[in-house]
Amino acid sequence: MACTTDYIEFICQVLSPLGEVRSRKMMGDYIIYVNEKCVITACDNCAYIKKLKCIEPLMGGAETGYAYEGAKESYILDFEDQRKVREIISTLWDNLPFPKKKK
């Protein structure tokens, strides 16, 4: 099952205070960017984020899963506390590289 546009719009709305937010559809699922860094992979109406040490304290006890077959294990982001979601994504953003420029 692919993500619904309503779910993607909801994620983008929640993250909008962090800056420029955009989504990119990829094979039925989506990548969500904040200020040009890829922060969320959305599959089957579920938001996956990289498991990095910098967000471990914020993600204590969070569910984990795989966005797609062959993917690395990721945290599953719970949007119940939107302020916490923005804190998690902001911390994650600070520790992720910008995508490499295509030549």
N, C-alpha and C. Protein backbone atom coordinates (compact mmCIF):
# COMPACT_ATOMS: atom_id res chain seq x y z
N MET A 1 0.84 -1.18 0.00
CA MET A 1 0.00 0.00 0.00
C MET A 1 0.89 1.25 0.00
N ALA A 2 0.63 2.16 -0.87
CA ALA A 2 1.41 3.39 -0.96
C ALA A 2 0.88 4.41 0.04
N CYS A 3 1.67 5.45 0.27
CA CYS A 3 1.24 6.55 1.15
C CYS A 3 0.12 7.34 0.49
N THR A 4 -0.75 7.87 1.33
CA THR A 4 -1.79 8.76 0.82
C THR A 4 -1.24 10.18 0.77
N THR A 5 -1.78 10.97 -0.13
CA THR A 5 -1.35 12.38 -0.20
C THR A 5 -1.73 13.12 1.08
N ASP A 6 -2.84 12.74 1.71
CA ASP A 6 -3.23 13.38 2.98
C ASP A 6 -2.16 13.17 4.05
N TYR A 7 -1.60 11.96 4.12
CA TYR A 7 -0.56 11.67 5.11
C TYR A 7 0.69 12.49 4.84
N ILE A 8 1.09 12.58 3.59
CA ILE A 8 2.29 13.35 3.22
C ILE A 8 2.07 14.84 3.51
N GLU A 9 0.90 15.35 3.18
CA GLU A 9 0.59 16.75 3.48
C GLU A 9 0.60 17.02 4.98
N PHE A 10 0.10 16.06 5.77
CA PHE A 10 0.12 16.19 7.23
C PHE A 10 1.56 16.28 7.74
N ILE A 11 2.43 15.39 7.29
CA ILE A 11 3.84 15.42 7.71
C ILE A 11 4.45 16.77 7.35
N CYS A 12 4.24 17.21 6.14
CA CYS A 12 4.82 18.49 5.69
C CYS A 12 4.30 19.66 6.52
N GLN A 13 3.04 19.62 6.88
CA GLN A 13 2.47 20.69 7.72
C GLN A 13 3.11 20.69 9.11
N VAL A 14 3.26 19.52 9.70
CA VAL A 14 3.87 19.42 11.04
C VAL A 14 5.30 19.96 11.02
N LEU A 15 6.04 19.67 9.95
CA LEU A 15 7.45 20.06 9.87
C LEU A 15 7.66 21.48 9.35
N SER A 16 6.63 22.13 8.85
CA SER A 16 6.77 23.45 8.21
C SER A 16 7.43 24.51 9.09
N PRO A 17 7.28 24.51 10.43
CA PRO A 17 8.00 25.51 11.23
C PRO A 17 9.52 25.38 11.17
N LEU A 18 10.02 24.25 10.68
CA LEU A 18 11.47 24.02 10.62
C LEU A 18 12.13 24.62 9.38
N GLY A 19 11.33 25.08 8.44
CA GLY A 19 11.90 25.67 7.23
C GLY A 19 11.18 25.18 5.99
N GLU A 20 11.92 25.13 4.89
CA GLU A 20 11.34 24.68 3.62
C GLU A 20 11.17 23.16 3.64
N VAL A 21 9.94 22.71 3.46
CA VAL A 21 9.64 21.28 3.49
C VAL A 21 9.08 20.90 2.11
N ARG A 22 9.59 19.80 1.58
CA ARG A 22 9.06 19.32 0.31
C ARG A 22 9.08 17.79 0.32
N SER A 23 8.25 17.23 -0.53
CA SER A 23 8.21 15.77 -0.65
C SER A 23 8.52 15.38 -2.09
N ARG A 24 9.01 14.17 -2.24
CA ARG A 24 9.32 13.65 -3.57
C ARG A 24 8.80 12.22 -3.64
N LYS A 25 7.94 11.97 -4.59
CA LYS A 25 7.36 10.64 -4.74
C LYS A 25 8.37 9.71 -5.40
N MET A 26 8.50 8.53 -4.81
CA MET A 26 9.42 7.53 -5.35
C MET A 26 8.76 6.17 -5.28
N MET A 27 8.34 5.65 -6.41
CA MET A 27 7.74 4.32 -6.51
C MET A 27 6.57 4.12 -5.54
N GLY A 28 5.70 5.09 -5.42
CA GLY A 28 4.53 4.96 -4.57
C GLY A 28 4.73 5.45 -3.16
N ASP A 29 5.97 5.59 -2.74
CA ASP A 29 6.28 6.10 -1.42
C ASP A 29 6.95 7.46 -1.57
N TYR A 30 7.36 8.06 -0.46
CA TYR A 30 7.85 9.43 -0.50
C TYR A 30 9.11 9.62 0.33
N ILE A 31 9.88 10.60 -0.08
CA ILE A 31 11.00 11.12 0.70
C ILE A 31 10.59 12.54 1.11
N ILE A 32 10.78 12.87 2.38
CA ILE A 32 10.47 14.21 2.87
C ILE A 32 11.78 14.92 3.16
N TYR A 33 11.90 16.12 2.61
CA TYR A 33 13.09 16.95 2.79
C TYR A 33 12.75 18.15 3.63
N VAL A 34 13.67 18.53 4.52
CA VAL A 34 13.59 19.78 5.26
C VAL A 34 14.87 20.54 4.94
N ASN A 35 14.69 21.74 4.40
CA ASN A 35 15.85 22.56 4.03
C ASN A 35 16.88 21.76 3.24
N GLU A 36 16.36 20.99 2.27
CA GLU A 36 17.14 20.22 1.29
C GLU A 36 17.89 19.02 1.86
N LYS A 37 17.58 18.61 3.10
CA LYS A 37 18.14 17.36 3.62
C LYS A 37 17.02 16.35 3.74
N CYS A 38 17.30 15.13 3.33
CA CYS A 38 16.33 14.04 3.42
C CYS A 38 16.22 13.60 4.87
N VAL A 39 15.03 13.78 5.47
CA VAL A 39 14.87 13.45 6.89
C VAL A 39 13.91 12.30 7.15
N ILE A 40 12.96 12.07 6.23
CA ILE A 40 11.96 11.02 6.44
C ILE A 40 11.76 10.23 5.16
N THR A 41 11.66 8.92 5.31
CA THR A 41 11.18 8.05 4.25
C THR A 41 9.79 7.61 4.68
N ALA A 42 8.80 7.93 3.87
CA ALA A 42 7.41 7.59 4.21
C ALA A 42 6.94 6.45 3.32
N CYS A 43 6.55 5.35 3.94
CA CYS A 43 6.07 4.17 3.23
C CYS A 43 4.84 3.64 3.96
N ASP A 44 3.82 3.31 3.22
CA ASP A 44 2.59 2.73 3.80
C ASP A 44 2.04 3.58 4.95
N ASN A 45 2.04 4.89 4.77
CA ASN A 45 1.56 5.84 5.78
C ASN A 45 2.28 5.68 7.12
N CYS A 46 3.56 5.47 7.04
CA CYS A 46 4.42 5.34 8.21
C CYS A 46 5.70 6.13 7.93
N ALA A 47 6.16 6.91 8.91
CA ALA A 47 7.35 7.76 8.73
C ALA A 47 8.56 7.10 9.38
N TYR A 48 9.57 6.83 8.57
CA TYR A 48 10.80 6.20 9.04
C TYR A 48 11.93 7.21 9.05
N ILE A 49 12.73 7.20 10.13
CA ILE A 49 13.90 8.08 10.21
C ILE A 49 15.12 7.24 10.58
N LYS A 50 16.28 7.73 10.18
CA LYS A 50 17.52 7.00 10.43
C LYS A 50 17.77 6.84 11.93
N LYS A 51 18.33 5.68 12.28
CA LYS A 51 18.71 5.42 13.66
C LYS A 51 20.12 5.97 13.88
N LEU A 52 20.18 7.19 14.38
CA LEU A 52 21.45 7.82 14.69
C LEU A 52 21.56 8.02 16.20
N LYS A 53 22.79 7.95 16.71
CA LYS A 53 23.01 8.11 18.15
C LYS A 53 22.50 9.45 18.69
N CYS A 54 22.55 10.49 17.87
CA CYS A 54 22.15 11.82 18.31
C CYS A 54 20.68 11.91 18.71
N ILE A 55 19.85 11.00 18.20
CA ILE A 55 18.42 11.05 18.54
C ILE A 55 17.99 9.90 19.45
N GLU A 56 18.91 9.03 19.82
CA GLU A 56 18.58 7.91 20.71
C GLU A 56 17.85 8.37 21.97
N PRO A 57 18.35 9.42 22.66
CA PRO A 57 17.66 9.85 23.89
C PRO A 57 16.21 10.30 23.63
N LEU A 58 15.97 10.89 22.47
CA LEU A 58 14.62 11.36 22.14
C LEU A 58 13.71 10.24 21.67
N MET A 59 14.29 9.15 21.20
CA MET A 59 13.51 8.06 20.61
C MET A 59 13.41 6.86 21.54
N GLY A 60 13.77 7.02 22.81
CA GLY A 60 13.73 5.92 23.75
C GLY A 60 12.42 5.15 23.70
N GLY A 61 12.50 3.86 23.47
CA GLY A 61 11.33 3.01 23.42
C GLY A 61 10.51 3.10 22.14
N ALA A 62 11.00 3.84 21.16
CA ALA A 62 10.26 3.99 19.91
C ALA A 62 10.26 2.68 19.13
N GLU A 63 9.20 2.49 18.39
CA GLU A 63 9.09 1.33 17.52
C GLU A 63 10.11 1.47 16.39
N THR A 64 10.59 0.34 15.90
CA THR A 64 11.50 0.34 14.76
C THR A 64 10.93 -0.56 13.67
N GLY A 65 11.46 -0.39 12.48
CA GLY A 65 11.01 -1.21 11.37
C GLY A 65 11.84 -0.93 10.13
N TYR A 66 11.40 -1.49 9.03
CA TYR A 66 12.10 -1.37 7.76
C TYR A 66 11.16 -0.73 6.75
N ALA A 67 11.62 0.36 6.14
CA ALA A 67 10.77 1.10 5.19
C ALA A 67 10.44 0.26 3.96
N TYR A 68 11.36 -0.59 3.56
CA TYR A 68 11.17 -1.43 2.38
C TYR A 68 12.16 -2.59 2.47
N GLU A 69 11.96 -3.58 1.68
CA GLU A 69 12.84 -4.74 1.69
C GLU A 69 14.26 -4.32 1.34
N GLY A 70 15.19 -4.70 2.17
CA GLY A 70 16.59 -4.37 1.94
C GLY A 70 17.03 -3.09 2.63
N ALA A 71 16.10 -2.37 3.24
CA ALA A 71 16.44 -1.12 3.94
C ALA A 71 17.06 -1.43 5.30
N LYS A 72 17.79 -0.46 5.83
CA LYS A 72 18.32 -0.57 7.18
C LYS A 72 17.20 -0.33 8.17
N GLU A 73 17.36 -0.90 9.37
CA GLU A 73 16.36 -0.68 10.41
C GLU A 73 16.30 0.81 10.75
N SER A 74 15.09 1.32 10.90
CA SER A 74 14.87 2.74 11.17
C SER A 74 13.91 2.90 12.33
N TYR A 75 13.94 4.09 12.93
CA TYR A 75 12.92 4.43 13.90
C TYR A 75 11.63 4.76 13.16
N ILE A 76 10.50 4.45 13.77
CA ILE A 76 9.21 4.85 13.24
C ILE A 76 8.75 6.05 14.06
N LEU A 77 8.51 7.14 13.38
CA LEU A 77 8.18 8.40 14.03
C LEU A 77 6.70 8.46 14.37
N ASP A 78 6.40 8.74 15.65
CA ASP A 78 5.03 8.87 16.14
C ASP A 78 4.69 10.36 16.19
N PHE A 79 3.64 10.76 15.49
CA PHE A 79 3.29 12.17 15.36
C PHE A 79 2.31 12.66 16.44
N GLU A 80 2.12 11.89 17.50
CA GLU A 80 1.19 12.29 18.55
C GLU A 80 1.63 13.59 19.22
N ASP A 81 2.92 13.72 19.51
CA ASP A 81 3.48 14.94 20.11
C ASP A 81 4.26 15.68 19.02
N GLN A 82 3.60 16.62 18.36
CA GLN A 82 4.20 17.30 17.21
C GLN A 82 5.40 18.16 17.60
N ARG A 83 5.39 18.73 18.78
CA ARG A 83 6.54 19.50 19.24
C ARG A 83 7.78 18.60 19.35
N LYS A 84 7.58 17.41 19.89
CA LYS A 84 8.69 16.45 20.01
C LYS A 84 9.16 16.00 18.63
N VAL A 85 8.24 15.79 17.71
CA VAL A 85 8.60 15.41 16.34
C VAL A 85 9.52 16.46 15.74
N ARG A 86 9.16 17.73 15.91
CA ARG A 86 10.01 18.81 15.36
C ARG A 86 11.38 18.84 16.04
N GLU A 87 11.43 18.56 17.33
CA GLU A 87 12.72 18.50 18.04
C GLU A 87 13.57 17.35 17.51
N ILE A 88 12.96 16.21 17.29
CA ILE A 88 13.67 15.04 16.76
C ILE A 88 14.21 15.35 15.36
N ILE A 89 13.36 15.87 14.50
CA ILE A 89 13.78 16.16 13.12
C ILE A 89 14.83 17.25 13.09
N SER A 90 14.72 18.24 13.94
CA SER A 90 15.72 19.31 14.01
C SER A 90 17.08 18.74 14.43
N THR A 91 17.09 17.88 15.44
CA THR A 91 18.33 17.24 15.89
C THR A 91 18.90 16.35 14.79
N LEU A 92 18.04 15.58 14.17
CA LEU A 92 18.47 14.73 13.07
C LEU A 92 19.05 15.56 11.94
N TRP A 93 18.37 16.64 11.58
CA TRP A 93 18.82 17.52 10.50
C TRP A 93 20.23 18.04 10.77
N ASP A 94 20.49 18.43 12.02
CA ASP A 94 21.82 18.95 12.38
C ASP A 94 22.93 17.93 12.17
N ASN A 95 22.57 16.64 12.15
CA ASN A 95 23.58 15.58 12.07
C ASN A 95 23.59 14.83 10.74
N LEU A 96 22.80 15.29 9.78
CA LEU A 96 22.77 14.66 8.46
C LEU A 96 23.51 15.53 7.44
N PRO A 97 24.17 14.91 6.49
CA PRO A 97 24.84 15.69 5.45
C PRO A 97 23.84 16.15 4.39
N PHE A 98 24.21 17.19 3.67
CA PHE A 98 23.42 17.58 2.50
C PHE A 98 23.65 16.52 1.42
N PRO A 99 22.67 16.29 0.56
CA PRO A 99 22.88 15.34 -0.54
C PRO A 99 24.03 15.80 -1.43
N LYS A 100 24.72 14.84 -2.00
CA LYS A 100 25.83 15.16 -2.91
C LYS A 100 25.25 15.72 -4.21
N LYS A 101 25.92 16.72 -4.75
CA LYS A 101 25.51 17.33 -6.02
C LYS A 101 25.77 16.35 -7.15
N LYS A 102 24.81 16.24 -8.05
CA LYS A 102 24.99 15.41 -9.23
C LYS A 102 25.79 16.19 -10.25
N LYS A 103 26.72 15.51 -10.89
CA LYS A 103 27.58 16.17 -11.87
C LYS A 103 26.99 16.12 -13.24
